[in-house]
Every structure is written in structure tokens, then in C-alpha cells.
Amino acid sequence: MIDPQKILIIQTAFIGDAILATALVEDVHRQFPNASLTVLVREGNEVFFQPHPFVAAVLVWRKKKDKYRNLIRLIFDVRKSRFDAVINLHRFAASGWVTAFSGAPVRVGFDKNPLSFWYTHKVKHAMDKGIHEVQRNAQLLMAFAPSACVNKPRIYPTPAHKERVEQFRKDAYITMSPNSVWMTKTAPASFWLSLIEKHSHWQIYLLGAPSDRAYCDQLVAEANHNRVVNLCGQLELMESAALMQHAAMNFTNDSAPMHLCSAVNAPVTAVYCSTVPAFGFGPLSDHSVILETKESLACRPCGIHGHKACPKGHFKCGILDAEAVRILS
């Protein structure tokens, strides 16, 4: 069996993908506990790995400005680092170039990457029903370490993250993350208002990015509930995870907050509209509930990612029953 001493994991996709990549960090550490592990992510996702006890270094691809100049710099930095193994979770060309020119004796990635012909180990990427993304990623490690196993994602909020949210934990509470970048992955406002009404005895915190604040302000204004607090933009991602960890329940769309819950094993109710859990991106918390339409729709799912608008114009997959997920007061 190969025994690499310096390993690089690449995942330069979005927030949820980076969170799920933490499962592979756990896998690699268990298989090679003495190896030095470096992670390469896009700017913003380094927050999940900088406090990680198994990660020695984090490389950041700054894509918002001078994207390709920064990519070339990363390629040279990776090559100079002389990694023994590079594991590329990303399926697009940019990360393929980093992997191909790394100089590592072991270069592993998915066959869908256009540069995969330069890999030493190529793994078929299949969206098979029942296979979770963390299992797909684990197959990359198993390509050269057959005895490796599959772990759950895990992030490590620091004492500072936990202290920041302590003020919100005085009473029992639930959280809701009602917005998403994609319209068709976002349950309608009517659903969230009904859900808030059904939990009238609970302290409720609305979570999200600064861009979600206006949407959640509107929910607060329309809700028949005097204990709803909009925290959008006030908490960092790791602080949100620390708050979710001790909630009685966290309600999310099929989006990054769901994966935050998985990574701190927080209870979660995940709402699916246009997408389906069978894609392999479902919740992994011990206490997980999935809510989706009961209607059989020929148009659902309409793609692995969301859309800015319903392709059919009716958004029937967003007709959901808030009563079905009432948390007992």
C-alpha cells in the first residue's frame, strides 16, 4: 500500500461541497495519521479548514480578481511543495491543471475532469441512487488505499465561535435558513410563514448571508410571531454552525446550511423542492428529516442544481406541508 507523507486535497467548488469534503479529511487522517495534510479551496471556504485539527495548511484560490493569474501561481506553489499524493474532488479543468502539474507520484480524481487522462488513478463519477457525495469522494482515497473507510463531514467551531453565539442560547430555540441562491431550491415564503406560525412557542432565529437579510426582514414583518430574530449577515459560517449545533431543530432548504448541520451533527429538517436527496447530497445528521412534495411530478427533479425560475412556470414542487414538521412545544 502507498504511504504518502504529504497529501493535498482539492475542492474548489461551493460552500456545501467544501463542507462535505471535510469527510475526506477525516478519512485521510484515519488512514494516514502521520501524513501532513493540505487543503486547496476557493476563497471563503478556508474557514472550515483553518481551525481543523487534522489540516496542516490551507491554500486559497482567489477567483474574484485575477482568477487565472492566481491559478497559475497556485500550480507553481503546489508543484514546489512536492506532495506525495493529490486527491482532486473537483470535476472541472482548473483543478485538473493543478493536479496534472503537481508532480505528485499519486494523482487521483474523477473521470469527468477533462484533465483526468493525466491522473495515475481515475475513478468513475456516477450519480447512482443511494450513493452519497461523501461516499463518492471516499472512492478516490480507496483507489490507492483500499482499506480506507467512509466518515461523516465534520467541522470544528472554535471557542471564539461558540462564545459569539452564547448570547442567543439563553432559551430553547430553533433556527430557519429560508433563502437560497436558487429560486427552485427555495421553499416559498408562504411555507416559512406557516412554519413560523406552527412554532409560536419557540424562539426562532433566521440565518443566512447578508444578501438574505431583506428577504428575512420581510418574513419577520409578516410573521404572526413576536420571537423571531433575523440574524442574516450577523454571524460567520462557523458561528452559525455553533448556533445550529444546540438548536432543538434546524430547518433548511437543500443548501449549505443543511451541510453545516451535518458537519456538527445538528438536528435538521431539509426541505427539497426541485432537487431530490437521491442525488447524494442529503443530510447526514443522526436526527435528519426530509420534507418534499407528495405529488408525483414528471418534471421533478429538473436538474442536479437549482434554477433562477421554474422551467415549467408552476413550481408545484414547492407546495409543501408545514404542519408535517411541527416540533412539539
Protein backbone atom coordinates (compact mmCIF):
# COMPACT_ATOMS: atom_id res chain seq x y z
CA MET A 1 0.00 0.00 0.00
CA ILE A 2 1.20 3.55 -0.75
CA ASP A 3 2.21 5.51 2.35
CA PRO A 4 2.23 9.22 1.39
CA GLN A 5 3.68 11.69 3.88
CA LYS A 6 2.37 14.87 2.21
CA ILE A 7 -1.18 14.88 0.83
CA LEU A 8 -3.15 17.59 -0.94
CA ILE A 9 -6.97 17.55 -1.17
CA ILE A 10 -8.54 19.87 -3.77
CA GLN A 11 -12.14 21.05 -3.65
CA THR A 12 -12.62 24.46 -5.24
CA ALA A 13 -16.41 24.28 -5.62
CA PHE A 14 -19.01 25.96 -3.45
CA ILE A 15 -19.69 26.07 0.30
CA GLY A 16 -21.67 22.82 0.56
CA ASP A 17 -19.07 20.92 -1.47
CA ALA A 18 -16.29 22.20 0.78
CA ILE A 19 -18.18 21.15 3.90
CA LEU A 20 -18.74 17.65 2.51
CA ALA A 21 -15.02 17.47 1.66
CA THR A 22 -14.28 17.54 5.39
CA ALA A 23 -15.44 13.91 5.47
CA LEU A 24 -12.48 13.01 3.24
CA VAL A 25 -10.16 14.89 5.60
CA GLU A 26 -11.38 12.59 8.37
CA ASP A 27 -10.91 9.55 6.07
CA VAL A 28 -7.36 10.53 5.10
CA HIS A 29 -6.33 11.22 8.69
CA ARG A 30 -7.65 7.87 9.84
CA GLN A 31 -5.82 6.07 7.04
CA PHE A 32 -2.57 8.08 7.23
CA PRO A 33 -2.43 9.61 10.74
CA ASN A 34 1.19 10.76 10.39
CA ALA A 35 0.77 12.44 6.99
CA SER A 36 0.81 16.22 6.63
CA LEU A 37 -2.48 17.25 5.02
CA THR A 38 -3.03 20.40 2.95
CA VAL A 39 -6.38 21.52 1.52
CA LEU A 40 -6.94 23.75 -1.53
CA VAL A 41 -10.27 25.61 -1.64
CA ARG A 42 -11.81 28.68 -3.21
CA GLU A 43 -11.70 31.94 -1.27
CA GLY A 44 -14.23 31.98 1.57
CA ASN A 45 -14.24 28.24 2.23
CA GLU A 46 -10.93 28.27 4.09
CA VAL A 47 -12.90 28.98 7.29
CA PHE A 48 -13.85 25.30 7.53
CA PHE A 49 -10.26 24.08 7.41
CA GLN A 50 -8.10 26.68 9.16
CA PRO A 51 -9.19 25.52 12.67
CA HIS A 52 -9.32 21.85 11.64
CA PRO A 53 -7.09 19.70 13.87
CA PHE A 54 -6.07 17.38 11.00
CA VAL A 55 -5.20 20.09 8.44
CA ALA A 56 -1.63 21.41 8.44
CA ALA A 57 -2.09 24.11 5.77
CA VAL A 58 -4.77 25.68 3.59
CA LEU A 59 -4.21 27.01 0.06
CA VAL A 60 -6.76 29.51 -1.23
CA TRP A 61 -7.69 30.14 -4.84
CA ARG A 62 -8.76 33.78 -5.09
CA LYS A 63 -11.17 33.76 -8.04
CA LYS A 64 -12.86 37.15 -7.77
CA LYS A 65 -9.87 39.09 -9.10
CA ASP A 66 -7.02 37.92 -11.36
CA LYS A 67 -8.56 34.45 -11.34
CA TYR A 68 -6.22 32.79 -13.82
CA ARG A 69 -3.09 34.58 -12.63
CA ASN A 70 -3.83 33.28 -9.14
CA LEU A 71 -4.46 29.81 -10.55
CA ILE A 72 -1.05 29.76 -12.25
CA ARG A 73 0.56 30.88 -9.01
CA LEU A 74 -1.16 28.03 -7.20
CA ILE A 75 0.03 25.49 -9.78
CA PHE A 76 3.64 26.54 -9.17
CA ASP A 77 3.17 26.60 -5.37
CA VAL A 78 1.70 23.10 -5.42
CA ARG A 79 4.48 21.77 -7.60
CA LYS A 80 7.16 23.28 -5.32
CA SER A 81 5.52 21.66 -2.29
CA ARG A 82 6.33 18.18 -3.65
CA PHE A 83 3.21 16.37 -2.48
CA ASP A 84 3.27 12.58 -2.46
CA ALA A 85 -0.42 12.40 -3.31
CA VAL A 86 -3.02 14.80 -4.71
CA ILE A 87 -6.71 13.95 -4.37
CA ASN A 88 -8.92 16.14 -6.56
CA LEU A 89 -12.63 16.15 -5.69
CA HIS A 90 -13.46 18.82 -8.25
CA ARG A 91 -14.53 17.80 -11.75
CA PHE A 92 -13.55 20.85 -13.77
CA ALA A 93 -10.47 21.80 -15.75
CA ALA A 94 -8.87 24.35 -13.42
CA SER A 95 -8.37 21.87 -10.61
CA GLY A 96 -7.34 19.30 -13.21
CA TRP A 97 -4.42 21.50 -14.23
CA VAL A 98 -3.29 21.81 -10.59
CA THR A 99 -3.44 18.04 -10.21
CA ALA A 100 -1.81 17.21 -13.53
CA PHE A 101 1.17 19.53 -12.99
CA SER A 102 1.58 18.82 -9.27
CA GLY A 103 4.42 16.36 -9.87
CA ALA A 104 2.90 14.07 -7.23
CA PRO A 105 3.55 10.35 -7.76
CA VAL A 106 -0.12 9.72 -6.93
CA ARG A 107 -2.72 11.88 -8.70
CA VAL A 108 -6.33 10.85 -8.10
CA GLY A 109 -9.58 12.31 -9.38
CA PHE A 110 -12.89 11.68 -11.10
CA ASP A 111 -13.07 10.62 -14.73
CA LYS A 112 -15.33 13.59 -15.56
CA ASN A 113 -12.45 16.00 -15.13
CA PRO A 114 -11.18 16.86 -18.65
CA LEU A 115 -7.57 16.53 -17.42
CA SER A 116 -8.14 13.09 -15.87
CA PHE A 117 -6.05 11.39 -18.57
CA TRP A 118 -3.03 12.75 -16.66
CA TYR A 119 -4.09 11.12 -13.38
CA THR A 120 -2.46 7.97 -12.05
CA HIS A 121 -5.79 6.82 -10.59
CA LYS A 122 -9.10 7.70 -12.24
CA VAL A 123 -12.44 6.97 -10.54
CA LYS A 124 -15.80 6.85 -12.29
CA HIS A 125 -18.14 9.56 -11.08
CA ALA A 126 -21.71 8.32 -11.04
CA MET A 127 -24.85 9.86 -9.58
CA ASP A 128 -26.16 6.42 -8.63
CA LYS A 129 -29.22 6.34 -6.46
CA GLY A 130 -28.39 5.86 -2.80
CA ILE A 131 -24.72 6.90 -3.09
CA HIS A 132 -23.94 9.99 -1.05
CA GLU A 133 -21.33 12.53 -2.15
CA VAL A 134 -19.11 11.64 0.83
CA GLN A 135 -19.11 8.04 -0.42
CA ARG A 136 -18.21 9.15 -3.93
CA ASN A 137 -15.35 11.21 -2.54
CA ALA A 138 -14.16 8.33 -0.37
CA GLN A 139 -13.78 6.21 -3.51
CA LEU A 140 -10.91 8.48 -4.53
CA LEU A 141 -8.97 7.55 -1.40
CA MET A 142 -9.90 3.90 -1.81
CA ALA A 143 -8.30 3.98 -5.27
CA PHE A 144 -4.87 3.81 -3.63
CA ALA A 145 -5.77 2.90 -0.04
CA PRO A 146 -8.27 0.02 -0.33
CA SER A 147 -8.74 -0.33 3.43
CA ALA A 148 -9.98 3.26 3.80
CA CYS A 149 -13.49 3.84 5.15
CA VAL A 150 -16.21 6.46 4.86
CA ASN A 151 -16.68 9.12 7.53
CA LYS A 152 -19.22 11.88 8.01
CA PRO A 153 -18.29 15.51 7.36
CA ARG A 154 -17.06 17.39 10.40
CA ILE A 155 -16.09 20.97 11.13
CA TYR A 156 -14.68 22.31 14.37
CA PRO A 157 -16.10 25.62 15.65
CA THR A 158 -13.57 27.25 17.95
CA PRO A 159 -14.26 28.50 21.49
CA ALA A 160 -14.48 32.01 19.99
CA HIS A 161 -17.21 30.89 17.57
CA LYS A 162 -19.15 29.30 20.43
CA GLU A 163 -18.73 32.32 22.69
CA ARG A 164 -20.06 34.60 19.94
CA VAL A 165 -23.43 32.78 19.87
CA GLU A 166 -23.75 32.12 23.60
CA GLN A 167 -25.98 35.19 23.94
CA PHE A 168 -28.60 33.53 21.71
CA ARG A 169 -28.74 30.29 23.70
CA LYS A 170 -30.46 31.52 26.86
CA ASP A 171 -33.76 29.83 25.94
CA ALA A 172 -34.62 26.78 23.86
CA TYR A 173 -34.64 27.73 20.18
CA ILE A 174 -34.90 26.57 16.61
CA THR A 175 -33.26 28.03 13.50
CA MET A 176 -34.54 28.50 9.98
CA SER A 177 -32.41 29.19 6.90
CA PRO A 178 -35.18 30.10 4.47
CA ASN A 179 -33.32 31.51 1.47
CA SER A 180 -31.11 30.07 -1.27
CA VAL A 181 -29.19 31.33 -4.29
CA TRP A 182 -31.52 29.23 -6.47
CA MET A 183 -35.23 30.03 -6.62
CA THR A 184 -36.25 26.43 -7.34
CA LYS A 185 -34.35 25.16 -4.28
CA THR A 186 -36.08 27.70 -2.03
CA ALA A 187 -39.36 26.84 -0.34
CA PRO A 188 -41.88 29.67 -0.88
CA ALA A 189 -42.25 32.43 1.70
CA SER A 190 -45.76 31.12 2.46
CA PHE A 191 -44.22 27.85 3.64
CA TRP A 192 -41.79 29.59 6.00
CA LEU A 193 -44.51 31.86 7.38
CA SER A 194 -46.69 28.83 8.06
CA LEU A 195 -43.76 27.04 9.69
CA ILE A 196 -43.11 30.04 11.93
CA GLU A 197 -46.77 30.16 12.93
CA LYS A 198 -46.76 26.43 13.80
CA HIS A 199 -43.86 27.06 16.21
CA SER A 200 -45.31 30.04 18.04
CA HIS A 201 -43.89 28.95 21.42
CA TRP A 202 -40.31 28.77 20.24
CA GLN A 203 -37.54 31.31 19.99
CA ILE A 204 -36.71 31.35 16.26
CA TYR A 205 -33.51 32.59 14.63
CA LEU A 206 -33.39 33.21 10.89
CA LEU A 207 -29.94 32.52 9.44
CA GLY A 208 -28.31 33.43 6.15
CA ALA A 209 -25.85 35.67 4.34
CA PRO A 210 -26.03 39.49 4.26
CA SER A 211 -27.81 39.16 0.90
CA ASP A 212 -30.60 37.20 2.63
CA ARG A 213 -31.34 39.90 5.17
CA ALA A 214 -34.00 41.78 3.22
CA TYR A 215 -35.89 38.55 2.45
CA CYS A 216 -35.86 37.54 6.11
CA ASP A 217 -36.80 41.06 7.25
CA GLN A 218 -39.95 40.64 5.16
CA LEU A 219 -40.68 37.29 6.82
CA VAL A 220 -40.29 38.86 10.27
CA ALA A 221 -42.63 41.71 9.27
CA GLU A 222 -45.31 39.31 8.02
CA ALA A 223 -44.98 36.61 10.67
CA ASN A 224 -47.55 36.33 13.43
CA HIS A 225 -44.80 35.69 15.97
CA ASN A 226 -43.01 38.04 18.37
CA ARG A 227 -39.95 35.85 18.98
CA VAL A 228 -38.41 35.75 15.51
CA VAL A 229 -34.95 37.31 15.19
CA ASN A 230 -33.23 37.93 11.86
CA LEU A 231 -29.51 37.11 12.21
CA CYS A 232 -28.72 37.13 8.49
CA GLY A 233 -25.30 38.64 7.91
CA GLN A 234 -24.56 38.90 11.63
CA LEU A 235 -22.91 35.51 12.05
CA GLU A 236 -19.97 33.94 10.24
CA LEU A 237 -20.47 30.45 8.82
CA MET A 238 -18.71 28.75 11.72
CA GLU A 239 -20.70 30.82 14.21
CA SER A 240 -23.92 29.77 12.50
CA ALA A 241 -22.80 26.15 12.80
CA ALA A 242 -22.12 26.64 16.52
CA LEU A 243 -25.64 28.03 16.99
CA MET A 244 -27.23 25.23 14.93
CA GLN A 245 -25.39 22.59 16.94
CA HIS A 246 -27.52 23.19 20.03
CA ALA A 247 -30.85 24.02 18.39
CA ALA A 248 -33.88 21.82 19.03
CA MET A 249 -34.27 21.74 15.23
CA ASN A 250 -32.82 23.48 12.20
CA PHE A 251 -34.98 23.99 9.10
CA THR A 252 -33.12 24.44 5.82
CA ASN A 253 -33.51 24.18 2.08
CA ASP A 254 -31.31 21.83 0.06
CA SER A 255 -28.42 24.25 0.53
CA ALA A 256 -25.26 24.97 2.51
CA PRO A 257 -26.94 25.34 5.95
CA MET A 258 -28.11 21.72 5.69
CA HIS A 259 -24.49 20.63 5.25
CA LEU A 260 -23.42 22.81 8.19
CA CYS A 261 -25.87 20.81 10.30
CA SER A 262 -24.41 17.54 9.04
CA ALA A 263 -20.89 18.69 9.90
CA VAL A 264 -21.74 19.42 13.56
CA ASN A 265 -24.33 16.60 13.82
CA ALA A 266 -27.13 19.08 14.49
CA PRO A 267 -30.78 18.05 14.06
CA VAL A 268 -32.09 19.15 10.69
CA THR A 269 -35.25 19.16 8.63
CA ALA A 270 -34.20 19.56 4.99
CA VAL A 271 -36.76 20.89 2.53
CA TYR A 272 -36.44 19.70 -1.07
CA CYS A 273 -38.24 21.40 -3.95
CA SER A 274 -36.78 20.93 -7.45
CA THR A 275 -33.93 18.63 -6.36
CA VAL A 276 -34.07 15.22 -4.67
CA PRO A 277 -31.99 13.54 -1.93
CA ALA A 278 -31.18 10.68 -4.33
CA PHE A 279 -28.60 12.94 -5.99
CA GLY A 280 -26.41 12.18 -2.99
CA PHE A 281 -26.43 15.50 -1.15
CA GLY A 282 -28.87 14.68 1.63
CA PRO A 283 -28.50 15.45 5.34
CA LEU A 284 -26.18 13.21 7.39
CA SER A 285 -27.03 14.26 10.95
CA ASP A 286 -28.17 11.48 13.29
CA HIS A 287 -31.53 13.27 13.56
CA SER A 288 -32.49 14.16 9.99
CA VAL A 289 -35.92 14.73 8.46
CA ILE A 290 -36.59 15.22 4.75
CA LEU A 291 -39.64 17.14 3.58
CA GLU A 292 -40.66 17.12 -0.08
CA THR A 293 -43.82 17.24 -2.12
CA LYS A 294 -46.07 14.20 -2.05
CA GLU A 295 -47.19 14.85 -5.60
CA SER A 296 -45.61 12.79 -8.37
CA LEU A 297 -44.26 15.31 -10.85
CA ALA A 298 -42.86 14.27 -14.22
CA CYS A 299 -40.66 17.38 -14.22
CA ARG A 300 -39.03 16.67 -10.86
CA PRO A 301 -36.10 16.69 -10.48
CA CYS A 302 -35.38 19.28 -13.16
CA GLY A 303 -31.61 19.13 -12.64
CA ILE A 304 -28.92 18.50 -10.06
CA HIS A 305 -28.65 22.25 -9.40
CA GLY A 306 -31.38 24.79 -8.91
CA HIS A 307 -32.74 27.31 -11.41
CA LYS A 308 -33.43 31.02 -11.21
CA ALA A 309 -37.05 30.25 -12.14
CA CYS A 310 -39.23 27.15 -12.52
CA PRO A 311 -38.69 25.81 -16.08
CA LYS A 312 -42.40 24.90 -16.25
CA GLY A 313 -43.64 28.10 -14.68
CA HIS A 314 -45.79 26.45 -11.98
CA PHE A 315 -43.29 25.49 -9.21
CA LYS A 316 -45.55 22.71 -7.96
CA CYS A 317 -42.58 21.05 -6.22
CA GLY A 318 -42.68 23.99 -3.80
CA ILE A 319 -46.13 23.07 -2.48
CA LEU A 320 -45.21 21.71 0.94
CA ASP A 321 -46.98 20.92 4.18
CA ALA A 322 -45.53 22.90 7.09
CA GLU A 323 -47.82 21.08 9.53
CA ALA A 324 -45.95 17.84 8.79
CA VAL A 325 -42.83 19.11 10.54
CA ARG A 326 -44.20 20.71 13.68
CA ILE A 327 -41.80 20.49 16.63
CA LEU A 328 -43.74 19.78 19.82
CA SER A 329 -43.77 22.76 22.16
